[in-house]
Amino acid sequence: MTDSNLSKIRPKLRTQGNITGNFGKSKVKAGSSLNDLGGSGSIGITQDEYLSRLHYAYDNTEDLKVKQFIYNEIRKIYIQRGMW
């Protein structure tokens, strides 16, 4: 039987490198990077204008996926306003 080097391998304590708690990835701050974009926080139109644009787009599109998206957006606004 030959002598193996496996018995000579010692486990090394982790005393070097970054401390992570994120499965090997560096720790990062929570939140969206989109918050750093700047601006006044307004998209330039009111919710009523957005709603009227959604109604117009719903009436003028043929794409079923787009219609479903628009329907869900209109529904969210109406639920938020307590009108649904």
N, C-alpha and C. Protein backbone atom coordinates (compact mmCIF):
# COMPACT_ATOMS: atom_id res chain seq x y z
N MET A 1 0.84 -1.18 0.00
CA MET A 1 0.00 0.00 0.00
C MET A 1 0.89 1.25 0.00
N THR A 2 0.55 2.22 -0.80
CA THR A 2 1.37 3.43 -0.89
C THR A 2 0.89 4.45 0.13
N ASP A 3 1.81 5.26 0.56
CA ASP A 3 1.45 6.32 1.50
C ASP A 3 0.72 7.43 0.75
N SER A 4 -0.33 7.94 1.37
CA SER A 4 -1.13 8.99 0.75
C SER A 4 -0.84 10.32 1.42
N ASN A 5 -0.93 11.38 0.64
CA ASN A 5 -0.76 12.73 1.20
C ASN A 5 -2.04 13.25 1.83
N LEU A 6 -3.15 12.52 1.68
CA LEU A 6 -4.42 13.01 2.20
C LEU A 6 -4.39 13.15 3.72
N SER A 7 -3.66 12.32 4.38
CA SER A 7 -3.62 12.42 5.84
C SER A 7 -2.81 13.61 6.31
N LYS A 8 -2.03 14.20 5.43
CA LYS A 8 -1.19 15.34 5.80
C LYS A 8 -1.88 16.68 5.54
N ILE A 9 -3.04 16.67 4.87
CA ILE A 9 -3.74 17.92 4.58
C ILE A 9 -4.49 18.37 5.82
N ARG A 10 -4.22 19.58 6.24
CA ARG A 10 -4.90 20.13 7.41
C ARG A 10 -5.92 21.16 6.95
N PRO A 11 -7.07 21.18 7.60
CA PRO A 11 -8.02 22.24 7.26
C PRO A 11 -7.49 23.59 7.72
N LYS A 12 -7.69 24.60 6.90
CA LYS A 12 -7.17 25.92 7.19
C LYS A 12 -8.30 26.78 7.74
N LEU A 13 -8.01 27.49 8.80
CA LEU A 13 -9.00 28.42 9.33
C LEU A 13 -9.15 29.58 8.37
N ARG A 14 -10.36 30.05 8.26
CA ARG A 14 -10.59 31.17 7.34
C ARG A 14 -10.26 32.47 8.05
N THR A 15 -9.07 32.95 7.82
CA THR A 15 -8.64 34.20 8.44
C THR A 15 -8.31 35.25 7.40
N GLN A 16 -8.52 34.93 6.14
CA GLN A 16 -8.22 35.87 5.07
C GLN A 16 -9.44 36.04 4.18
N GLY A 17 -9.47 37.14 3.46
CA GLY A 17 -10.54 37.37 2.49
C GLY A 17 -11.69 38.16 3.10
N ASN A 18 -12.66 38.45 2.26
CA ASN A 18 -13.82 39.22 2.69
C ASN A 18 -14.76 38.38 3.53
N ILE A 19 -15.39 39.03 4.48
CA ILE A 19 -16.42 38.35 5.26
C ILE A 19 -17.72 38.52 4.50
N THR A 20 -18.32 37.42 4.14
CA THR A 20 -19.58 37.48 3.40
C THR A 20 -20.64 36.72 4.16
N GLY A 21 -21.85 37.10 3.95
CA GLY A 21 -22.97 36.39 4.51
C GLY A 21 -24.01 36.21 3.43
N ASN A 22 -23.55 36.31 2.23
CA ASN A 22 -24.46 36.35 1.10
C ASN A 22 -24.11 35.23 0.11
N PHE A 23 -23.81 34.05 0.64
CA PHE A 23 -23.47 32.89 -0.18
C PHE A 23 -22.29 33.16 -1.11
N GLY A 24 -21.26 33.77 -0.56
CA GLY A 24 -20.05 34.00 -1.33
C GLY A 24 -19.99 35.32 -2.07
N LYS A 25 -21.12 35.99 -2.21
CA LYS A 25 -21.12 37.29 -2.87
C LYS A 25 -20.86 38.37 -1.84
N SER A 26 -20.32 39.49 -2.27
CA SER A 26 -20.09 40.60 -1.37
C SER A 26 -21.41 41.16 -0.88
N LYS A 27 -21.40 41.65 0.35
CA LYS A 27 -22.63 42.22 0.89
C LYS A 27 -22.93 43.54 0.18
N VAL A 28 -24.20 43.79 -0.07
CA VAL A 28 -24.62 45.01 -0.74
C VAL A 28 -25.74 45.65 0.06
N LYS A 29 -25.94 46.93 -0.14
CA LYS A 29 -27.04 47.63 0.50
C LYS A 29 -28.36 47.20 -0.13
N ALA A 30 -29.39 47.17 0.69
CA ALA A 30 -30.71 46.83 0.17
C ALA A 30 -31.28 48.01 -0.59
N GLY A 31 -32.22 47.75 -1.46
CA GLY A 31 -32.89 48.82 -2.19
C GLY A 31 -32.56 48.77 -3.67
N SER A 32 -33.28 49.56 -4.39
CA SER A 32 -33.13 49.58 -5.84
C SER A 32 -32.08 50.59 -6.25
N SER A 33 -31.31 50.25 -7.26
CA SER A 33 -30.35 51.21 -7.79
C SER A 33 -31.05 52.29 -8.60
N LEU A 34 -32.33 52.07 -8.91
CA LEU A 34 -33.07 53.07 -9.66
C LEU A 34 -33.38 54.30 -8.82
N ASN A 35 -33.27 54.17 -7.50
CA ASN A 35 -33.52 55.32 -6.63
C ASN A 35 -32.46 56.38 -6.79
N ASP A 36 -31.33 56.05 -7.35
CA ASP A 36 -30.22 56.98 -7.51
C ASP A 36 -30.27 57.76 -8.81
N LEU A 37 -31.33 57.60 -9.59
CA LEU A 37 -31.36 58.21 -10.92
C LEU A 37 -31.56 59.71 -10.89
N GLY A 38 -32.12 60.23 -9.84
CA GLY A 38 -32.32 61.66 -9.75
C GLY A 38 -33.65 62.08 -10.33
N GLY A 39 -33.82 63.37 -10.45
CA GLY A 39 -35.10 63.89 -10.93
C GLY A 39 -35.99 64.24 -9.76
N SER A 40 -37.15 64.75 -10.07
CA SER A 40 -38.06 65.21 -9.02
C SER A 40 -38.93 64.09 -8.48
N GLY A 41 -38.88 62.92 -9.09
CA GLY A 41 -39.70 61.80 -8.64
C GLY A 41 -41.03 61.73 -9.36
N SER A 42 -41.33 62.69 -10.19
CA SER A 42 -42.57 62.72 -10.94
C SER A 42 -42.31 62.27 -12.37
N ILE A 43 -43.24 61.51 -12.94
CA ILE A 43 -43.04 61.07 -14.32
C ILE A 43 -43.62 62.07 -15.31
N GLY A 44 -44.22 63.13 -14.82
CA GLY A 44 -44.68 64.19 -15.70
C GLY A 44 -46.15 64.14 -16.04
N ILE A 45 -46.87 63.06 -15.70
CA ILE A 45 -48.31 63.02 -15.97
C ILE A 45 -49.02 62.60 -14.68
N THR A 46 -50.26 63.00 -14.58
CA THR A 46 -51.05 62.62 -13.42
C THR A 46 -51.63 61.23 -13.63
N GLN A 47 -52.19 60.69 -12.58
CA GLN A 47 -52.78 59.35 -12.68
C GLN A 47 -54.01 59.38 -13.60
N ASP A 48 -54.74 60.50 -13.60
CA ASP A 48 -55.89 60.60 -14.50
C ASP A 48 -55.47 60.60 -15.96
N GLU A 49 -54.37 61.30 -16.27
CA GLU A 49 -53.86 61.29 -17.64
C GLU A 49 -53.37 59.90 -18.03
N TYR A 50 -52.71 59.22 -17.09
CA TYR A 50 -52.24 57.86 -17.34
C TYR A 50 -53.41 56.93 -17.59
N LEU A 51 -54.47 57.09 -16.80
CA LEU A 51 -55.65 56.25 -16.96
C LEU A 51 -56.32 56.49 -18.32
N SER A 52 -56.39 57.74 -18.74
CA SER A 52 -57.01 58.02 -20.04
C SER A 52 -56.16 57.45 -21.19
N ARG A 53 -54.83 57.51 -21.03
CA ARG A 53 -53.96 56.91 -22.04
C ARG A 53 -54.12 55.40 -22.08
N LEU A 54 -54.30 54.78 -20.91
CA LEU A 54 -54.51 53.33 -20.86
C LEU A 54 -55.81 52.95 -21.57
N HIS A 55 -56.88 53.71 -21.32
CA HIS A 55 -58.15 53.43 -21.99
C HIS A 55 -58.02 53.57 -23.50
N TYR A 56 -57.32 54.62 -23.95
CA TYR A 56 -57.12 54.83 -25.37
C TYR A 56 -56.33 53.66 -25.98
N ALA A 57 -55.25 53.25 -25.29
CA ALA A 57 -54.42 52.16 -25.79
C ALA A 57 -55.19 50.85 -25.81
N TYR A 58 -56.03 50.62 -24.80
CA TYR A 58 -56.80 49.38 -24.75
C TYR A 58 -57.76 49.29 -25.94
N ASP A 59 -58.38 50.42 -26.28
CA ASP A 59 -59.32 50.44 -27.39
C ASP A 59 -58.64 50.31 -28.76
N ASN A 60 -57.38 50.68 -28.84
CA ASN A 60 -56.71 50.75 -30.14
C ASN A 60 -55.66 49.67 -30.37
N THR A 61 -55.57 48.68 -29.50
CA THR A 61 -54.58 47.63 -29.73
C THR A 61 -55.27 46.31 -30.08
N GLU A 62 -54.54 45.49 -30.82
CA GLU A 62 -55.03 44.18 -31.22
C GLU A 62 -54.31 43.06 -30.45
N ASP A 63 -53.17 43.39 -29.85
CA ASP A 63 -52.33 42.39 -29.17
C ASP A 63 -52.97 41.98 -27.84
N LEU A 64 -53.19 40.68 -27.68
CA LEU A 64 -53.87 40.18 -26.48
C LEU A 64 -53.03 40.36 -25.22
N LYS A 65 -51.71 40.19 -25.33
CA LYS A 65 -50.85 40.37 -24.15
C LYS A 65 -50.85 41.82 -23.70
N VAL A 66 -50.84 42.75 -24.64
CA VAL A 66 -50.88 44.17 -24.30
C VAL A 66 -52.23 44.51 -23.68
N LYS A 67 -53.30 43.97 -24.24
CA LYS A 67 -54.64 44.21 -23.67
C LYS A 67 -54.73 43.70 -22.24
N GLN A 68 -54.15 42.52 -21.97
CA GLN A 68 -54.18 41.97 -20.62
C GLN A 68 -53.40 42.84 -19.65
N PHE A 69 -52.23 43.33 -20.08
CA PHE A 69 -51.43 44.21 -19.25
C PHE A 69 -52.19 45.49 -18.93
N ILE A 70 -52.77 46.11 -19.97
CA ILE A 70 -53.50 47.36 -19.78
C ILE A 70 -54.70 47.14 -18.87
N TYR A 71 -55.41 46.04 -19.05
CA TYR A 71 -56.56 45.72 -18.20
C TYR A 71 -56.13 45.61 -16.74
N ASN A 72 -55.00 44.93 -16.50
CA ASN A 72 -54.51 44.79 -15.12
C ASN A 72 -54.11 46.13 -14.52
N GLU A 73 -53.50 47.01 -15.32
CA GLU A 73 -53.12 48.33 -14.84
C GLU A 73 -54.35 49.17 -14.50
N ILE A 74 -55.35 49.15 -15.37
CA ILE A 74 -56.59 49.90 -15.11
C ILE A 74 -57.26 49.36 -13.86
N ARG A 75 -57.28 48.05 -13.73
CA ARG A 75 -57.90 47.41 -12.57
C ARG A 75 -57.19 47.82 -11.27
N LYS A 76 -55.84 47.86 -11.29
CA LYS A 76 -55.09 48.27 -10.10
C LYS A 76 -55.44 49.69 -9.67
N ILE A 77 -55.56 50.57 -10.65
CA ILE A 77 -55.88 51.97 -10.34
C ILE A 77 -57.28 52.08 -9.75
N TYR A 78 -58.22 51.37 -10.35
CA TYR A 78 -59.60 51.41 -9.83
C TYR A 78 -59.70 50.79 -8.44
N ILE A 79 -58.96 49.73 -8.19
CA ILE A 79 -58.96 49.12 -6.85
C ILE A 79 -58.36 50.08 -5.84
N GLN A 80 -57.29 50.76 -6.23
CA GLN A 80 -56.64 51.73 -5.35
C GLN A 80 -57.59 52.87 -5.00
N ARG A 81 -58.39 53.27 -5.95
CA ARG A 81 -59.36 54.35 -5.72
C ARG A 81 -60.65 53.88 -5.05
N GLY A 82 -60.81 52.57 -4.91
CA GLY A 82 -62.00 52.03 -4.30
C GLY A 82 -63.20 52.01 -5.21
N MET A 83 -62.95 51.98 -6.50
CA MET A 83 -64.03 52.03 -7.49
C MET A 83 -64.29 50.67 -8.12
N TRP A 84 -63.56 49.63 -7.73
CA TRP A 84 -63.71 48.33 -8.38
C TRP A 84 -64.67 47.47 -7.62
